[in-house]
């Protein structure tokens, strides 16, 4: 991703927080996410904008590419309270994954991953989150976010920008510990399809698990 225009990172982070403050957030089954920490939150790339509202004050890692644009994004993410790890599939990926695993296993950091990013195909899961889950022993939490009034861009992911004062409904799935051999391509492929199914099963009408439990 190339960023043609750069604001100073601190004002940009402040603008983002101010934008989020105008949104009306509702969280369904967030206890799955909170009680599983440190966990691997998995979401679609087009629903990324309000990701910090999902994280809230929980310690989280942001994986940022080691590019010039990544230098800028790293500064923004640090201003938003994330611990930044630099790496990509082509540069520094192995060391970045080991740093993330250490953060998950020993230091209490969760991580959010857009599982169809950074270039798609749209809503097709890639295996990175599954590999991390197996190697770290930490669960995957599927997360979907629905906006009542989004601006949808003509990008590969049809990125959604919630307009100010939009209602935002974030829905969390149950913890999933994939029991697979991460070095088996067939097992990874099947697990990717299951992750897609778990994400797509979280509709905006998903009921609140705790309300159902209290009523039974």
N, C-alpha and C. Protein backbone atom coordinates (compact mmCIF):
# COMPACT_ATOMS: atom_id res chain seq x y z
N UNK A 1 0.83 -1.19 0.00
CA UNK A 1 0.00 0.00 0.00
C UNK A 1 0.87 1.24 0.00
N UNK A 2 0.58 2.18 -0.91
CA UNK A 2 1.30 3.44 -0.95
C UNK A 2 0.44 4.54 -0.36
N UNK A 3 1.01 5.34 0.52
CA UNK A 3 0.28 6.44 1.14
C UNK A 3 0.76 7.74 0.52
N UNK A 4 -0.04 8.37 -0.36
CA UNK A 4 0.43 9.55 -1.08
C UNK A 4 0.47 10.81 -0.24
N UNK A 5 -0.30 10.85 0.86
CA UNK A 5 -0.38 12.07 1.66
C UNK A 5 -0.27 11.70 3.12
N UNK A 6 0.63 12.38 3.82
CA UNK A 6 0.89 12.03 5.21
C UNK A 6 0.68 13.23 6.12
N UNK A 7 -0.21 13.08 7.09
CA UNK A 7 -0.31 14.02 8.19
C UNK A 7 0.66 13.57 9.28
N UNK A 8 1.11 14.47 10.15
CA UNK A 8 1.90 14.02 11.31
C UNK A 8 1.13 12.95 12.07
N UNK A 9 1.85 11.97 12.57
CA UNK A 9 1.19 10.79 13.13
C UNK A 9 0.31 11.10 14.34
N UNK A 10 0.76 11.99 15.22
CA UNK A 10 -0.03 12.28 16.42
C UNK A 10 -1.36 12.95 16.08
N UNK A 11 -1.39 14.01 15.22
CA UNK A 11 -2.68 14.58 14.84
C UNK A 11 -3.59 13.60 14.10
N UNK A 12 -2.99 12.73 13.26
CA UNK A 12 -3.81 11.76 12.55
C UNK A 12 -4.44 10.77 13.53
N UNK A 13 -3.66 10.31 14.51
CA UNK A 13 -4.21 9.40 15.52
C UNK A 13 -5.32 10.08 16.32
N UNK A 14 -5.13 11.35 16.64
CA UNK A 14 -6.15 12.10 17.38
C UNK A 14 -7.42 12.27 16.54
N UNK A 15 -7.25 12.52 15.24
CA UNK A 15 -8.41 12.65 14.36
C UNK A 15 -9.18 11.35 14.28
N UNK A 16 -8.44 10.24 14.19
CA UNK A 16 -9.08 8.93 14.14
C UNK A 16 -9.87 8.66 15.42
N UNK A 17 -9.28 8.95 16.56
CA UNK A 17 -9.99 8.74 17.83
C UNK A 17 -11.24 9.61 17.91
N UNK A 18 -11.14 10.86 17.44
CA UNK A 18 -12.29 11.76 17.46
C UNK A 18 -13.40 11.24 16.55
N UNK A 19 -13.02 10.69 15.39
CA UNK A 19 -14.00 10.11 14.48
C UNK A 19 -14.70 8.93 15.15
N UNK A 20 -13.92 8.05 15.79
CA UNK A 20 -14.51 6.91 16.48
C UNK A 20 -15.49 7.35 17.57
N UNK A 21 -15.17 8.46 18.22
CA UNK A 21 -16.02 8.94 19.32
C UNK A 21 -17.40 9.35 18.84
N UNK A 22 -17.54 9.66 17.55
CA UNK A 22 -18.86 10.02 17.03
C UNK A 22 -19.72 8.79 16.75
N UNK A 23 -19.11 7.62 16.68
CA UNK A 23 -19.85 6.42 16.32
C UNK A 23 -20.55 5.82 17.53
N UNK A 24 -21.67 5.17 17.28
CA UNK A 24 -22.45 4.53 18.36
C UNK A 24 -22.16 3.02 18.31
N UNK A 25 -21.37 2.58 19.28
CA UNK A 25 -20.86 1.21 19.26
C UNK A 25 -21.74 0.27 20.08
N UNK A 26 -21.94 -0.92 19.54
CA UNK A 26 -22.61 -2.01 20.26
C UNK A 26 -21.75 -3.26 20.06
N UNK A 27 -21.47 -3.97 21.16
CA UNK A 27 -20.62 -5.16 21.11
C UNK A 27 -21.44 -6.38 21.54
N UNK A 28 -21.51 -7.37 20.66
CA UNK A 28 -22.27 -8.59 20.92
C UNK A 28 -21.30 -9.73 21.20
N UNK A 29 -21.42 -10.31 22.39
CA UNK A 29 -20.57 -11.45 22.82
C UNK A 29 -19.10 -11.07 22.93
N UNK A 30 -18.82 -9.84 23.32
CA UNK A 30 -17.43 -9.43 23.47
C UNK A 30 -16.72 -10.21 24.58
N UNK A 31 -17.50 -10.82 25.49
CA UNK A 31 -16.87 -11.60 26.56
C UNK A 31 -16.05 -12.76 26.00
N UNK A 32 -16.43 -13.29 24.83
CA UNK A 32 -15.59 -14.33 24.21
C UNK A 32 -14.18 -13.80 23.95
N UNK A 33 -14.10 -12.57 23.51
CA UNK A 33 -12.83 -11.92 23.17
C UNK A 33 -12.04 -11.57 24.43
N UNK A 34 -12.70 -10.95 25.39
CA UNK A 34 -12.01 -10.48 26.60
C UNK A 34 -11.52 -11.65 27.44
N UNK A 35 -12.36 -12.66 27.63
CA UNK A 35 -12.01 -13.77 28.51
C UNK A 35 -10.97 -14.70 27.89
N UNK A 36 -10.71 -14.57 26.59
CA UNK A 36 -9.74 -15.43 25.91
C UNK A 36 -8.37 -14.78 25.77
N UNK A 37 -8.22 -13.55 26.23
CA UNK A 37 -6.95 -12.85 26.02
C UNK A 37 -5.78 -13.53 26.74
N UNK A 38 -4.58 -13.53 26.12
CA UNK A 38 -4.29 -12.97 24.79
C UNK A 38 -4.80 -13.88 23.68
N UNK A 39 -5.44 -13.29 22.68
CA UNK A 39 -6.07 -14.06 21.63
C UNK A 39 -5.71 -13.46 20.27
N UNK A 40 -6.13 -14.17 19.22
CA UNK A 40 -5.88 -13.75 17.85
C UNK A 40 -7.22 -13.37 17.24
N UNK A 41 -7.52 -12.08 17.22
CA UNK A 41 -8.75 -11.60 16.63
C UNK A 41 -8.64 -11.64 15.11
N UNK A 42 -9.62 -12.26 14.45
CA UNK A 42 -9.60 -12.40 12.99
C UNK A 42 -10.80 -11.66 12.39
N UNK A 43 -10.56 -10.81 11.43
CA UNK A 43 -11.59 -10.00 10.81
C UNK A 43 -11.30 -9.83 9.33
N UNK A 44 -12.31 -9.35 8.61
CA UNK A 44 -12.13 -9.05 7.19
C UNK A 44 -11.56 -7.65 7.01
N UNK A 45 -10.79 -7.48 5.96
CA UNK A 45 -10.05 -6.23 5.73
C UNK A 45 -10.99 -5.03 5.57
N UNK A 46 -12.14 -5.22 4.94
CA UNK A 46 -13.04 -4.08 4.70
C UNK A 46 -13.71 -3.57 5.97
N UNK A 47 -13.65 -4.35 7.06
CA UNK A 47 -14.30 -3.96 8.31
C UNK A 47 -13.29 -3.47 9.34
N UNK A 48 -12.11 -3.09 8.87
CA UNK A 48 -10.98 -2.79 9.76
C UNK A 48 -11.10 -1.46 10.48
N UNK A 49 -11.83 -0.49 9.94
CA UNK A 49 -11.73 0.89 10.42
C UNK A 49 -11.92 1.02 11.92
N UNK A 50 -12.91 0.37 12.48
CA UNK A 50 -13.19 0.54 13.91
C UNK A 50 -12.49 -0.51 14.76
N UNK A 51 -11.39 -1.05 14.27
CA UNK A 51 -10.69 -2.11 15.00
C UNK A 51 -10.21 -1.71 16.38
N UNK A 52 -9.83 -0.45 16.56
CA UNK A 52 -9.35 -0.02 17.89
C UNK A 52 -10.49 -0.03 18.90
N UNK A 53 -11.73 0.14 18.43
CA UNK A 53 -12.88 0.05 19.34
C UNK A 53 -13.09 -1.38 19.80
N UNK A 54 -12.72 -2.34 18.96
CA UNK A 54 -12.76 -3.75 19.35
C UNK A 54 -11.70 -4.01 20.42
N UNK A 55 -10.50 -3.52 20.17
CA UNK A 55 -9.38 -3.73 21.11
C UNK A 55 -9.61 -3.02 22.43
N UNK A 56 -10.11 -1.78 22.37
CA UNK A 56 -10.27 -0.91 23.52
C UNK A 56 -8.93 -0.80 24.27
N UNK A 57 -8.89 -1.11 25.55
CA UNK A 57 -7.65 -0.92 26.32
C UNK A 57 -6.83 -2.19 26.47
N UNK A 58 -7.16 -3.24 25.76
CA UNK A 58 -6.40 -4.47 25.86
C UNK A 58 -5.07 -4.33 25.12
N UNK A 59 -3.97 -4.83 25.69
CA UNK A 59 -2.67 -4.71 25.02
C UNK A 59 -2.63 -5.53 23.74
N UNK A 60 -2.29 -4.87 22.63
CA UNK A 60 -2.32 -5.54 21.34
C UNK A 60 -1.12 -5.19 20.49
N UNK A 61 -0.77 -6.14 19.63
CA UNK A 61 0.32 -5.98 18.67
C UNK A 61 -0.27 -5.60 17.32
N UNK A 62 0.41 -4.70 16.62
CA UNK A 62 0.08 -4.39 15.23
C UNK A 62 1.25 -4.83 14.36
N UNK A 63 0.97 -5.68 13.37
CA UNK A 63 1.99 -6.12 12.43
C UNK A 63 2.00 -5.15 11.25
N UNK A 64 3.15 -4.51 11.01
CA UNK A 64 3.28 -3.48 9.97
C UNK A 64 4.45 -3.84 9.07
N UNK A 65 4.28 -3.64 7.78
CA UNK A 65 5.32 -4.00 6.82
C UNK A 65 6.57 -3.13 7.01
N UNK A 66 7.76 -3.66 6.65
CA UNK A 66 9.01 -2.93 6.81
C UNK A 66 9.31 -2.02 5.62
N UNK A 67 8.30 -1.33 5.11
CA UNK A 67 8.44 -0.44 3.97
C UNK A 67 8.51 1.01 4.44
N UNK A 68 8.72 1.93 3.49
CA UNK A 68 8.71 3.35 3.85
C UNK A 68 7.33 3.77 4.34
N UNK A 69 6.27 3.30 3.67
CA UNK A 69 4.94 3.60 4.16
C UNK A 69 4.71 2.96 5.53
N UNK A 70 5.32 1.79 5.75
CA UNK A 70 5.21 1.14 7.05
C UNK A 70 5.85 1.94 8.15
N UNK A 71 6.92 2.71 7.83
CA UNK A 71 7.52 3.59 8.83
C UNK A 71 6.49 4.58 9.35
N UNK A 72 5.71 5.14 8.43
CA UNK A 72 4.70 6.12 8.80
C UNK A 72 3.56 5.45 9.58
N UNK A 73 3.08 4.32 9.06
CA UNK A 73 2.00 3.61 9.75
C UNK A 73 2.41 3.17 11.14
N UNK A 74 3.67 2.79 11.31
CA UNK A 74 4.16 2.38 12.63
C UNK A 74 4.02 3.51 13.64
N UNK A 75 4.38 4.71 13.21
CA UNK A 75 4.26 5.86 14.10
C UNK A 75 2.81 6.12 14.48
N UNK A 76 1.90 6.00 13.51
CA UNK A 76 0.48 6.19 13.79
C UNK A 76 -0.02 5.15 14.78
N UNK A 77 0.33 3.88 14.53
CA UNK A 77 -0.15 2.80 15.39
C UNK A 77 0.39 2.93 16.82
N UNK A 78 1.63 3.36 16.95
CA UNK A 78 2.18 3.58 18.30
C UNK A 78 1.41 4.70 19.00
N UNK A 79 1.04 5.74 18.28
CA UNK A 79 0.24 6.81 18.88
C UNK A 79 -1.14 6.33 19.30
N UNK A 80 -1.61 5.26 18.67
CA UNK A 80 -2.90 4.68 19.04
C UNK A 80 -2.78 3.64 20.14
N UNK A 81 -1.57 3.41 20.64
CA UNK A 81 -1.38 2.53 21.78
C UNK A 81 -1.03 1.10 21.46
N UNK A 82 -0.68 0.81 20.19
CA UNK A 82 -0.30 -0.54 19.82
C UNK A 82 1.20 -0.75 19.99
N UNK A 83 1.58 -1.97 20.29
CA UNK A 83 2.98 -2.38 20.15
C UNK A 83 3.18 -2.80 18.70
N UNK A 84 4.16 -2.26 18.04
CA UNK A 84 4.36 -2.50 16.62
C UNK A 84 5.43 -3.55 16.40
N UNK A 85 5.13 -4.52 15.54
CA UNK A 85 6.09 -5.51 15.06
C UNK A 85 6.20 -5.32 13.56
N UNK A 86 7.42 -5.24 13.04
CA UNK A 86 7.64 -5.00 11.62
C UNK A 86 7.97 -6.30 10.91
N UNK A 87 7.30 -6.54 9.78
CA UNK A 87 7.59 -7.73 9.00
C UNK A 87 6.53 -7.95 7.94
N UNK A 88 6.87 -8.75 6.93
CA UNK A 88 5.94 -9.12 5.87
C UNK A 88 6.36 -10.49 5.35
N UNK A 89 5.59 -10.98 4.38
CA UNK A 89 5.91 -12.29 3.82
C UNK A 89 7.24 -12.29 3.07
N UNK A 90 7.68 -11.10 2.60
CA UNK A 90 8.91 -11.03 1.82
C UNK A 90 10.10 -10.48 2.60
N UNK A 91 9.84 -9.77 3.71
CA UNK A 91 10.94 -9.17 4.47
C UNK A 91 10.67 -9.29 5.96
N UNK A 92 11.54 -10.00 6.65
CA UNK A 92 11.45 -10.07 8.11
C UNK A 92 10.29 -10.85 8.65
N UNK A 93 9.66 -11.68 7.81
CA UNK A 93 8.46 -12.37 8.24
C UNK A 93 8.71 -13.37 9.35
N UNK A 94 9.78 -14.14 9.26
CA UNK A 94 10.05 -15.17 10.27
C UNK A 94 10.32 -14.56 11.63
N UNK A 95 11.17 -13.55 11.69
CA UNK A 95 11.48 -12.92 12.98
C UNK A 95 10.25 -12.22 13.54
N UNK A 96 9.42 -11.63 12.66
CA UNK A 96 8.20 -10.98 13.14
C UNK A 96 7.25 -11.99 13.76
N UNK A 97 7.09 -13.16 13.12
CA UNK A 97 6.20 -14.19 13.66
C UNK A 97 6.69 -14.69 15.01
N UNK A 98 7.98 -14.86 15.15
CA UNK A 98 8.51 -15.31 16.44
C UNK A 98 8.31 -14.24 17.51
N UNK A 99 8.43 -12.97 17.15
CA UNK A 99 8.19 -11.90 18.13
C UNK A 99 6.72 -11.87 18.54
N UNK A 100 5.82 -12.10 17.57
CA UNK A 100 4.39 -12.13 17.88
C UNK A 100 4.07 -13.31 18.80
N UNK A 101 4.64 -14.48 18.51
CA UNK A 101 4.40 -15.65 19.35
C UNK A 101 4.87 -15.41 20.78
N UNK A 102 6.03 -14.77 20.92
CA UNK A 102 6.52 -14.43 22.26
C UNK A 102 5.54 -13.49 22.96
N UNK A 103 5.03 -12.50 22.22
CA UNK A 103 4.06 -11.58 22.79
C UNK A 103 2.79 -12.28 23.23
N UNK A 104 2.31 -13.24 22.42
CA UNK A 104 1.10 -13.99 22.74
C UNK A 104 1.31 -14.93 23.92
N UNK A 105 2.43 -15.64 23.92
CA UNK A 105 2.65 -16.71 24.89
C UNK A 105 3.17 -16.22 26.24
N UNK A 106 4.01 -15.19 26.23
CA UNK A 106 4.73 -14.83 27.45
C UNK A 106 4.46 -13.42 27.95
N UNK A 107 3.93 -12.54 27.10
CA UNK A 107 3.83 -11.13 27.48
C UNK A 107 2.41 -10.59 27.52
N UNK A 108 1.41 -11.42 27.22
CA UNK A 108 0.02 -11.01 27.37
C UNK A 108 -0.52 -10.12 26.27
N UNK A 109 0.14 -10.08 25.12
CA UNK A 109 -0.34 -9.27 24.00
C UNK A 109 -1.23 -10.11 23.08
N UNK A 110 -2.39 -9.55 22.72
CA UNK A 110 -3.19 -10.12 21.67
C UNK A 110 -2.80 -9.51 20.33
N UNK A 111 -3.41 -10.01 19.26
CA UNK A 111 -3.15 -9.45 17.94
C UNK A 111 -4.42 -9.55 17.12
N UNK A 112 -4.66 -8.54 16.30
CA UNK A 112 -5.76 -8.57 15.34
C UNK A 112 -5.20 -8.76 13.94
N UNK A 113 -5.80 -9.65 13.17
CA UNK A 113 -5.32 -9.97 11.83
C UNK A 113 -6.47 -9.87 10.83
N UNK A 114 -6.26 -9.10 9.77
CA UNK A 114 -7.21 -9.09 8.66
C UNK A 114 -6.84 -10.27 7.77
N UNK A 115 -7.61 -11.33 7.86
CA UNK A 115 -7.17 -12.61 7.31
C UNK A 115 -7.26 -12.69 5.79
N UNK A 116 -7.90 -11.70 5.13
CA UNK A 116 -7.89 -11.67 3.68
C UNK A 116 -6.97 -10.58 3.14
N UNK A 117 -6.24 -9.90 4.02
CA UNK A 117 -5.32 -8.84 3.60
C UNK A 117 -3.93 -9.38 3.31
N UNK A 118 -3.06 -8.50 2.79
CA UNK A 118 -3.33 -7.10 2.47
C UNK A 118 -3.86 -6.87 1.06
N UNK A 119 -3.96 -7.92 0.23
CA UNK A 119 -4.37 -7.68 -1.17
C UNK A 119 -5.49 -8.60 -1.64
N UNK A 120 -6.04 -9.43 -0.75
CA UNK A 120 -7.14 -10.27 -1.17
C UNK A 120 -6.70 -11.65 -1.62
N UNK A 121 -7.60 -12.41 -2.22
CA UNK A 121 -8.97 -12.07 -2.62
C UNK A 121 -9.88 -11.75 -1.43
N UNK A 122 -10.89 -10.95 -1.71
CA UNK A 122 -11.80 -10.48 -0.67
C UNK A 122 -12.51 -11.67 0.00
N UNK A 123 -12.49 -11.64 1.33
CA UNK A 123 -13.18 -12.62 2.17
C UNK A 123 -12.74 -14.05 1.90
N UNK A 124 -11.46 -14.21 1.57
CA UNK A 124 -10.84 -15.51 1.46
C UNK A 124 -9.68 -15.56 2.46
N UNK A 125 -9.81 -16.41 3.48
CA UNK A 125 -8.84 -16.43 4.57
C UNK A 125 -7.51 -17.00 4.12
N UNK A 126 -6.44 -16.39 4.60
CA UNK A 126 -5.08 -16.89 4.42
C UNK A 126 -4.64 -17.59 5.70
N UNK A 127 -3.58 -18.39 5.65
CA UNK A 127 -3.27 -19.29 6.77
C UNK A 127 -2.47 -18.68 7.92
N UNK A 128 -2.04 -17.41 7.83
CA UNK A 128 -1.16 -16.87 8.85
C UNK A 128 -1.72 -16.94 10.26
N UNK A 129 -3.00 -16.56 10.42
CA UNK A 129 -3.61 -16.59 11.76
C UNK A 129 -3.69 -18.01 12.30
N UNK A 130 -3.96 -18.97 11.43
CA UNK A 130 -4.03 -20.37 11.85
C UNK A 130 -2.67 -20.87 12.30
N UNK A 131 -1.64 -20.51 11.54
CA UNK A 131 -0.28 -20.89 11.92
C UNK A 131 0.07 -20.33 13.30
N UNK A 132 -0.28 -19.05 13.52
CA UNK A 132 0.00 -18.44 14.82
C UNK A 132 -0.75 -19.13 15.94
N UNK A 133 -2.01 -19.47 15.68
CA UNK A 133 -2.82 -20.10 16.73
C UNK A 133 -2.23 -21.44 17.15
N UNK A 134 -1.83 -22.24 16.19
CA UNK A 134 -1.27 -23.56 16.51
C UNK A 134 0.07 -23.41 17.21
N UNK A 135 0.94 -22.54 16.71
CA UNK A 135 2.27 -22.39 17.29
C UNK A 135 2.24 -21.76 18.68
N UNK A 136 1.28 -20.87 18.92
CA UNK A 136 1.22 -20.18 20.22
C UNK A 136 0.31 -20.86 21.22
N UNK A 137 -0.63 -21.68 20.73
CA UNK A 137 -1.61 -22.29 21.62
C UNK A 137 -2.71 -21.33 22.04
N UNK A 138 -2.78 -20.15 21.42
CA UNK A 138 -3.80 -19.16 21.76
C UNK A 138 -4.97 -19.27 20.78
N UNK A 139 -6.18 -18.91 21.22
CA UNK A 139 -7.36 -19.13 20.38
C UNK A 139 -7.55 -18.04 19.32
N UNK A 140 -8.25 -18.42 18.28
CA UNK A 140 -8.76 -17.48 17.28
C UNK A 140 -10.15 -17.02 17.72
N UNK A 141 -10.39 -15.72 17.65
CA UNK A 141 -11.72 -15.15 17.88
C UNK A 141 -12.19 -14.50 16.59
N UNK A 142 -13.17 -15.08 15.88
CA UNK A 142 -13.72 -14.41 14.70
C UNK A 142 -14.48 -13.15 15.11
N UNK A 143 -14.34 -12.09 14.32
CA UNK A 143 -14.99 -10.82 14.63
C UNK A 143 -15.55 -10.23 13.34
N UNK A 144 -16.83 -9.85 13.37
CA UNK A 144 -17.43 -9.13 12.26
C UNK A 144 -17.94 -7.78 12.76
N UNK A 145 -17.89 -6.78 11.90
CA UNK A 145 -18.37 -5.45 12.25
C UNK A 145 -19.32 -4.96 11.16
N UNK A 146 -20.48 -4.47 11.58
CA UNK A 146 -21.51 -3.99 10.67
C UNK A 146 -21.77 -2.51 10.92
N UNK A 147 -21.78 -1.71 9.85
CA UNK A 147 -22.01 -0.27 9.91
C UNK A 147 -23.38 0.06 9.31
N UNK A 148 -24.11 0.93 9.98
CA UNK A 148 -25.42 1.31 9.45
C UNK A 148 -25.31 2.26 8.27
N UNK A 149 -24.25 3.09 8.24
CA UNK A 149 -24.08 4.07 7.15
C UNK A 149 -22.61 4.11 6.72
N UNK A 150 -22.16 3.15 5.94
CA UNK A 150 -20.77 3.19 5.50
C UNK A 150 -20.62 3.83 4.12
N UNK A 151 -19.48 4.46 3.91
CA UNK A 151 -19.03 4.81 2.58
C UNK A 151 -18.20 3.64 2.08
N UNK A 152 -18.62 3.01 0.97
CA UNK A 152 -17.95 1.83 0.44
C UNK A 152 -17.08 2.25 -0.75
N UNK A 153 -15.79 1.96 -0.66
CA UNK A 153 -14.85 2.37 -1.68
C UNK A 153 -14.72 1.30 -2.77
N UNK A 154 -14.30 1.75 -3.95
CA UNK A 154 -14.13 0.84 -5.09
C UNK A 154 -12.74 0.23 -5.07
N UNK A 155 -12.36 -0.34 -3.94
CA UNK A 155 -11.05 -1.00 -3.77
C UNK A 155 -11.26 -2.50 -3.83
N UNK A 156 -10.17 -3.27 -3.82
CA UNK A 156 -10.29 -4.73 -3.93
C UNK A 156 -11.15 -5.32 -2.83
N UNK A 157 -11.12 -4.69 -1.63
CA UNK A 157 -11.85 -5.23 -0.49
C UNK A 157 -13.21 -4.57 -0.28
N UNK A 158 -13.51 -3.53 -1.10
CA UNK A 158 -14.72 -2.72 -0.89
C UNK A 158 -14.72 -2.15 0.52
N UNK A 159 -13.61 -1.48 0.85
CA UNK A 159 -13.38 -0.96 2.19
C UNK A 159 -14.54 -0.08 2.64
N UNK A 160 -14.95 -0.26 3.91
CA UNK A 160 -16.08 0.47 4.47
C UNK A 160 -15.58 1.54 5.46
N UNK A 161 -15.94 2.78 5.20
CA UNK A 161 -15.65 3.88 6.11
C UNK A 161 -16.97 4.31 6.75
N UNK A 162 -17.15 4.07 8.06
CA UNK A 162 -18.39 4.48 8.70
C UNK A 162 -18.47 6.00 8.79
N UNK A 163 -19.54 6.58 8.30
CA UNK A 163 -19.73 8.02 8.37
C UNK A 163 -19.95 8.44 9.82
N UNK A 164 -19.63 9.70 10.15
CA UNK A 164 -19.85 10.14 11.53
C UNK A 164 -21.29 9.88 11.99
N UNK A 165 -21.40 9.47 13.24
CA UNK A 165 -22.68 9.19 13.91
C UNK A 165 -23.35 7.92 13.38
N UNK A 166 -22.57 7.07 12.74
CA UNK A 166 -23.04 5.77 12.31
C UNK A 166 -23.17 4.83 13.51
N UNK A 167 -24.14 3.91 13.44
CA UNK A 167 -24.25 2.84 14.42
C UNK A 167 -23.34 1.69 13.99
N UNK A 168 -22.55 1.19 14.94
CA UNK A 168 -21.57 0.15 14.67
C UNK A 168 -21.88 -1.05 15.57
N UNK A 169 -22.03 -2.21 14.95
CA UNK A 169 -22.34 -3.43 15.71
C UNK A 169 -21.22 -4.43 15.46
N UNK A 170 -20.42 -4.71 16.48
CA UNK A 170 -19.34 -5.68 16.39
C UNK A 170 -19.79 -6.99 17.04
N UNK A 171 -19.62 -8.09 16.31
CA UNK A 171 -20.09 -9.39 16.76
C UNK A 171 -18.88 -10.33 16.88
N UNK A 172 -18.77 -11.00 18.01
CA UNK A 172 -17.62 -11.85 18.32
C UNK A 172 -18.05 -13.31 18.35
N UNK A 173 -17.22 -14.18 17.78
CA UNK A 173 -17.48 -15.61 17.81
C UNK A 173 -16.80 -16.30 18.97
N UNK A 174 -17.15 -17.55 19.16
CA UNK A 174 -16.56 -18.34 20.23
C UNK A 174 -15.08 -18.62 19.96
N UNK A 175 -14.29 -18.79 21.02
CA UNK A 175 -12.88 -19.12 20.82
C UNK A 175 -12.72 -20.42 20.04
N UNK A 176 -11.75 -20.44 19.15
CA UNK A 176 -11.48 -21.63 18.34
C UNK A 176 -10.00 -21.95 18.41
N UNK A 177 -9.71 -23.18 18.82
CA UNK A 177 -8.34 -23.68 18.85
C UNK A 177 -8.18 -24.68 17.71
N UNK A 178 -7.72 -24.24 16.54
CA UNK A 178 -7.62 -25.18 15.41
C UNK A 178 -6.63 -26.31 15.70
N UNK A 179 -7.11 -27.53 15.58
CA UNK A 179 -6.29 -28.72 15.86
C UNK A 179 -5.79 -29.28 14.53
N UNK A 180 -4.72 -28.69 14.01
CA UNK A 180 -4.20 -29.07 12.70
C UNK A 180 -2.68 -29.12 12.74
N UNK A 181 -2.11 -29.76 11.74
CA UNK A 181 -0.68 -29.70 11.51
C UNK A 181 -0.41 -28.49 10.61
N UNK A 182 0.24 -27.44 11.13
CA UNK A 182 0.42 -26.23 10.34
C UNK A 182 1.38 -26.40 9.17
N UNK A 183 2.07 -27.53 9.11
CA UNK A 183 2.97 -27.79 7.99
C UNK A 183 2.31 -28.65 6.91
N UNK A 184 1.03 -28.96 7.09
CA UNK A 184 0.29 -29.76 6.13
C UNK A 184 -0.57 -28.82 5.27
N UNK A 185 -0.24 -28.60 4.01
CA UNK A 185 -0.99 -27.66 3.16
C UNK A 185 -2.48 -27.99 3.06
N UNK A 186 -2.81 -29.28 2.99
CA UNK A 186 -4.22 -29.66 2.90
C UNK A 186 -4.98 -29.30 4.17
N UNK A 187 -4.36 -29.56 5.33
CA UNK A 187 -5.00 -29.23 6.60
C UNK A 187 -5.19 -27.72 6.73
N UNK A 188 -4.18 -26.96 6.32
CA UNK A 188 -4.29 -25.50 6.37
C UNK A 188 -5.40 -24.99 5.46
N UNK A 189 -5.49 -25.56 4.27
CA UNK A 189 -6.52 -25.14 3.33
C UNK A 189 -7.91 -25.41 3.89
N UNK A 190 -8.11 -26.57 4.49
CA UNK A 190 -9.41 -26.90 5.09
C UNK A 190 -9.71 -25.97 6.27
N UNK A 191 -8.69 -25.67 7.07
CA UNK A 191 -8.89 -24.79 8.22
C UNK A 191 -9.21 -23.36 7.76
N UNK A 192 -8.61 -22.93 6.66
CA UNK A 192 -8.94 -21.60 6.11
C UNK A 192 -10.42 -21.53 5.74
N UNK A 193 -10.93 -22.58 5.13
CA UNK A 193 -12.35 -22.61 4.77
C UNK A 193 -13.22 -22.59 6.03
N UNK A 194 -12.77 -23.30 7.08
CA UNK A 194 -13.56 -23.28 8.32
C UNK A 194 -13.55 -21.89 8.95
N UNK A 195 -12.40 -21.21 8.90
CA UNK A 195 -12.34 -19.85 9.43
C UNK A 195 -13.28 -18.93 8.66
N UNK A 196 -13.32 -19.06 7.34
CA UNK A 196 -14.25 -18.27 6.54
C UNK A 196 -15.69 -18.54 6.97
N UNK A 197 -16.02 -19.82 7.20
CA UNK A 197 -17.37 -20.18 7.62
C UNK A 197 -17.70 -19.58 8.98
N UNK A 198 -16.73 -19.61 9.91
CA UNK A 198 -16.96 -19.05 11.23
C UNK A 198 -17.19 -17.54 11.16
N UNK A 199 -16.44 -16.86 10.32
CA UNK A 199 -16.63 -15.43 10.16
C UNK A 199 -17.98 -15.13 9.52
N UNK A 200 -18.29 -15.84 8.46
CA UNK A 200 -19.53 -15.55 7.73
C UNK A 200 -20.78 -15.95 8.52
N UNK A 201 -20.61 -16.80 9.52
CA UNK A 201 -21.75 -17.18 10.36
C UNK A 201 -22.14 -16.09 11.35
N UNK A 202 -21.28 -15.10 11.53
CA UNK A 202 -21.56 -14.01 12.47
C UNK A 202 -22.32 -12.90 11.74
N UNK A 203 -23.62 -12.95 11.78
CA UNK A 203 -24.43 -11.94 11.12
C UNK A 203 -24.70 -10.79 12.08
N UNK A 204 -25.23 -9.70 11.55
CA UNK A 204 -25.56 -8.56 12.41
C UNK A 204 -26.70 -8.89 13.36
N UNK A 205 -27.42 -9.99 13.10
CA UNK A 205 -28.53 -10.41 13.97
C UNK A 205 -28.12 -11.52 14.93
N UNK A 206 -26.83 -11.83 15.03
CA UNK A 206 -26.36 -12.84 15.98
C UNK A 206 -26.81 -12.47 17.39
N UNK A 207 -27.45 -13.40 18.12
CA UNK A 207 -27.95 -13.07 19.46
C UNK A 207 -26.83 -12.97 20.48
N UNK A 208 -27.12 -12.27 21.56
CA UNK A 208 -26.19 -12.15 22.67
C UNK A 208 -26.21 -13.44 23.49
N UNK A 209 -25.07 -14.09 23.57
CA UNK A 209 -24.97 -15.39 24.25
C UNK A 209 -25.33 -15.29 25.72
N UNK A 210 -24.93 -14.23 26.36
CA UNK A 210 -25.19 -14.12 27.81
C UNK A 210 -26.67 -13.91 28.09
N UNK A 211 -27.37 -13.16 27.23
CA UNK A 211 -28.80 -12.97 27.42
C UNK A 211 -29.54 -14.29 27.24
N UNK A 212 -29.10 -15.09 26.25
CA UNK A 212 -29.72 -16.39 26.05
C UNK A 212 -29.50 -17.29 27.26
N UNK A 213 -28.26 -17.27 27.82
CA UNK A 213 -27.94 -18.10 28.98
C UNK A 213 -28.78 -17.69 30.19
N UNK A 214 -28.94 -16.38 30.42
CA UNK A 214 -29.73 -15.89 31.56
C UNK A 214 -31.20 -16.28 31.42
N UNK A 215 -31.68 -16.34 30.16
CA UNK A 215 -33.11 -16.63 29.95
C UNK A 215 -33.40 -18.11 30.08
N UNK A 216 -32.41 -18.96 29.93
CA UNK A 216 -32.64 -20.41 29.96
C UNK A 216 -32.67 -20.96 31.38
